[in-house]
Amino acid sequence: MEDDHQHEHDQHTTHRDQHTRGKFFMENTGSDSEVESMSTTRVGRRSGTPTTPTPTATTARRRSFPIPIPPETRTTEGTRTTASPPPPPSSYTYPFQPYPFQAYPGNPDPGTPIPNTGYYGGYSRRSSSMESLSVRRRSGGFSEESAHSNSGVGVNPPASLGHGEEEVLGRPVAPFMTNGRGRSPRNTLYRNSAAAATLTTKGSSQNLSEGTTSRPGSMIFRAPFLSPASRNSSTVWTPPAYTPQQAHPHSQQHQSISPSGSTTALSSLVRKGKPPVPSTLLPNGKLTNSDKPWLGAPHPRDRLAKILTYGCILLGLAGAALLCFFDLRGLDLLDESHLCVVFEDDFSGDALDTGNWKRTVALGGFGNGEFEIMTNKDENLKIQNSNLYIIPTLTSADIGGTSSIFDGYTYDLGDACTSTNTSQCSVTSSSNTTSVIPPVQSSMISTNGTHSITYGRVQVRAKLPLGDWLWPAIWMLPQNNTYGPWPLSGEIDIMEARGNAPTYPAQGTNFVRSSLNYSPLPSSLLTQIFGWWSMKQGGFDRGFHTYTLEWSPQFIRMYVDSRLQAMVELETKTRSQSFWSKGGYPAVAMNDVGAEVPVTDIWGSGDGSTSSTSGSGSTDAPDSDDNNNWSAPFNQEFYLIISLAAGGTSGWFPDNVGGKPWADGDPGAMKAFAEAQDTWSATWPTSEDDRAMRVDWVKMWKMC
C-alpha cells in the first residue's frame, strides 16, 4: 500500500512540475533580484485533501522573506518524522497577509516541495553555483549536520529519502554561527582556506547535542568582534621564524635570528652584486701613468696658453671698467646747482591756475589740418582728483545733431577766440561745399606769456587717452620766433602719441615719440629728428609716466621715466654737430611759389641776421656764451603746450593704415572724417578717466 501511494505521488509530482517550472522576482531592500528556481507544487492525496507545502532548495543570492522550517524530531528507532508546518502564506487574507504576493503558477508559495529534487521519491541532481558549500546527504542515513543546524535558511529533508540522493545546497555553516555547537564545516572551501589555519583543534565527543565540544579534528573560529584577550580559545597567529640556516643549510656563517621571527631578517640574506666587468675598450684592463698625460708635468706651451687666456680675460674686464668710467664721466648732465625752478603745478586746486596757464580757443587746425575745436568749456577741461583732465567730446552733441555738422550751421567762438585770424574763430557748414563743422571738441593750454625757458628741464607726468585718431601732445614753441615763423624758429615735441589701440600698425598707445622740427625755408626742406620708446605689454594709456626734456647749449635729451629710455639724444658741441649740419641741406630749393631760391644758414650768427652757405666757414670750435649758434634754432625762449587733438592732414596718421577714413591730400578730409563718426567714436571709452588725457603734475626749471 505504501509503495503504491509513493508511486502515484511521484507521477503526480512529475506531471505538475512540467507546468510550474519558471522564473520569478524577489524583492530585497527596495531592489529586484531575479532568482532562477524550480517552482513549488501542491501535492494532494487520493482523497483530494491538500497537503502541507514543504520548503524547497533554491539557488538565490538574496531572499525577501523567511522560509518556515518544520520542526524535526528523532524516534528511538533512528527514523525522522516532521511535524505539521503552518499553512502557506497565500492562505492568509488581508489584513493578516504578511507577504507581498499571492501564489499562482510561476509564483508559488515558498516552502512548496519541488519535484525531482531528491525529496518524496524524486531523483535529480540540482547543480549549485556554490557547489563546494553543498551538504552531501547520502542514502541510508541522516547527516549529523542537519540535526543540529540552526540556520534560518537550511533545508530539512523528509523522513523517507530516495535511493542515491544527490547533493543539495545548504547554507555554509561556520562554527561561530552555531551558537556554540562546535560544528565544523565539511566542505573544502573552509577546510582549505586561509581562515582554517587560524582555527584551534578541540576535543571530540560522540554526543552531538552537546554544544561545547566538536567531532574529532574539528576547528573553531575565534569569536568575532571581540578583542583577543576576551576570546576564550584565541590563538594569535605569528609568522614563522626564518633563519639564515634554513635558507642556506650548508652555510658556515651564523647570523642572529629576529626575536619575533619576522621576515625582516631576510634583508641580511640579499646577495651581493657581481663586480663590474672590466671594460673591453682597454687592452690590459688598467691604465698606466703613461696613459694619463694630465698627471705629468705640463708642457711649456700649455702653461703659456693658460697665462694668455687668463690675461686676456683680465684685460677685457679692465677695458670694460674703463669704458664705463669714461662713458659715465662724459655723460651729458645738467648741473643741478645751476637749475632754478620756474614754476610747478600739481593741480591740487579746484580750477585751472590762470597765473601759470592760458587756454587756446580756436578751430583753424593749428597748421596740421586737425579736426577739432579747442574750446574754453569745462566739459573739455577740468580739475578732478588732483589731475588736469582734457576730455574730447562730440560737437554733434553740442549743436543739436549730426546733420548740423554737414549743412546749415555756423559755429562762432566769438570773443573767446584767441586767434588773430578770424577764419580760425568761425565756420559755417554747407552741403554744397566741403565746409563742415569740426566734429570733435577738445582743449589746449600753454604757458605762452607766463613762463618760458631757453635752457633747462621740463617734466610732465601724464596718462594718455585711448580712442581712435586722438592725438595727445606735450610740446614747446618759440616765444618770440627769433628766426621767423614756423618752422624757421623750430618746434620741440617732448611727447606725441596716437590714441589707437596697440594693434594699430602705425604705433598705437604702446608707443610714445619725441622729435625736433625745423627748416631753413618756410615751406620746404622740413627737417624732423625723432625717436620713440615702446612697451612690450600694455600701453601708455594704462598708467602715468614722466616725460622729460633736458636742454643745454651742448645737448638735447628727451626720455620717458628714465635716461635709459631716451627717445632723442643729440649733442651740439661743434659746428659739425649743429642743426644746420644735421639737416644736410642742398644749395638751392623750391620756395612756396615754385621758384628756385638759395638755401642759406639762417641760424649762423645765432640771431638770423647773417647766414652762410652750406659747408662754408666750417669749424669745430666749441659753443660759447659769445658764439652759441650751434644749437640754433633751439637757442631761444620756448614755452610749454599741453593739448589733445583729433585727426589731421599732416601725415601723423598715415594714409591707408588702420582703416583711416580720410586721405591727407583730399580737400574734403574733415568731411570724410565726420561721416565716419559712428565708427571711430565707438572706440572711445565711456569713462572720462580712460578717454581723457590726464596730467598729474608739471615742473619747469631754467639754467641760472
Foldseek 3Di string as FASTA:
>chain_A
DVVVQLVVQLVVQVVVQVQQQAWDWADDPHDIDTFHFRDFDFTAGPVRDTAAFAAEFGADPDHRDFADAFDWDADPVGFIATDGDDHFLQVDDPPVRPDPDHADRHRHTGGGYGAQQFASAHPDDDDYPPVLQWDFDAPPHGDPCVVQDPDRHAHDGHRDTYHPHGTTRGDRDALLNRVQLQEARPGVVCVVDPQVVQWDFFDADPPSVDRNHHHGPGTHGFHPPDDQVPTPPGDDDADAADAVCNVPVPDPDHDDTDPRSDPVVCVVVDDDDDDDDQDPVDPVSDDDVVNVVVVDDDDPVVVVVVVVVVVVVVVVVVVVVVVVVVCVVPDDDDDPVQKDFPDKAQLPDFFDDVLQKDWAFWAPQVVFAFQETAAPDVVQWGRDPSKIWGFKDFVQVVPPHLVQQADDDKDAQPPVHPDPDRVGGMFGHHNVDLTGRRGMYTIKMWRQVNDWALFFKKKWKWADAAFAQKKWWKWKDFNPPLLHDPPALKIWTLWIAGRYDCVFPLHHQQKIKTWIWHALAHPDLIDIDMFMAGDPDDGSNVGIKMWMWGGDLFWIWIAIRDSVGTGDIAGLFFLCRAPLNVSVDDQWDQHPVGDIDGRWALLQQPRSPDTHGPPPPHDGHTADPRRSSSHPSSRHIMMIMTIMTGHGLNCPPPPPTPPQQAHSPDPSRSVSVSVCCVPRVVRGDPDSSRRIIIIRMIIIIYGD
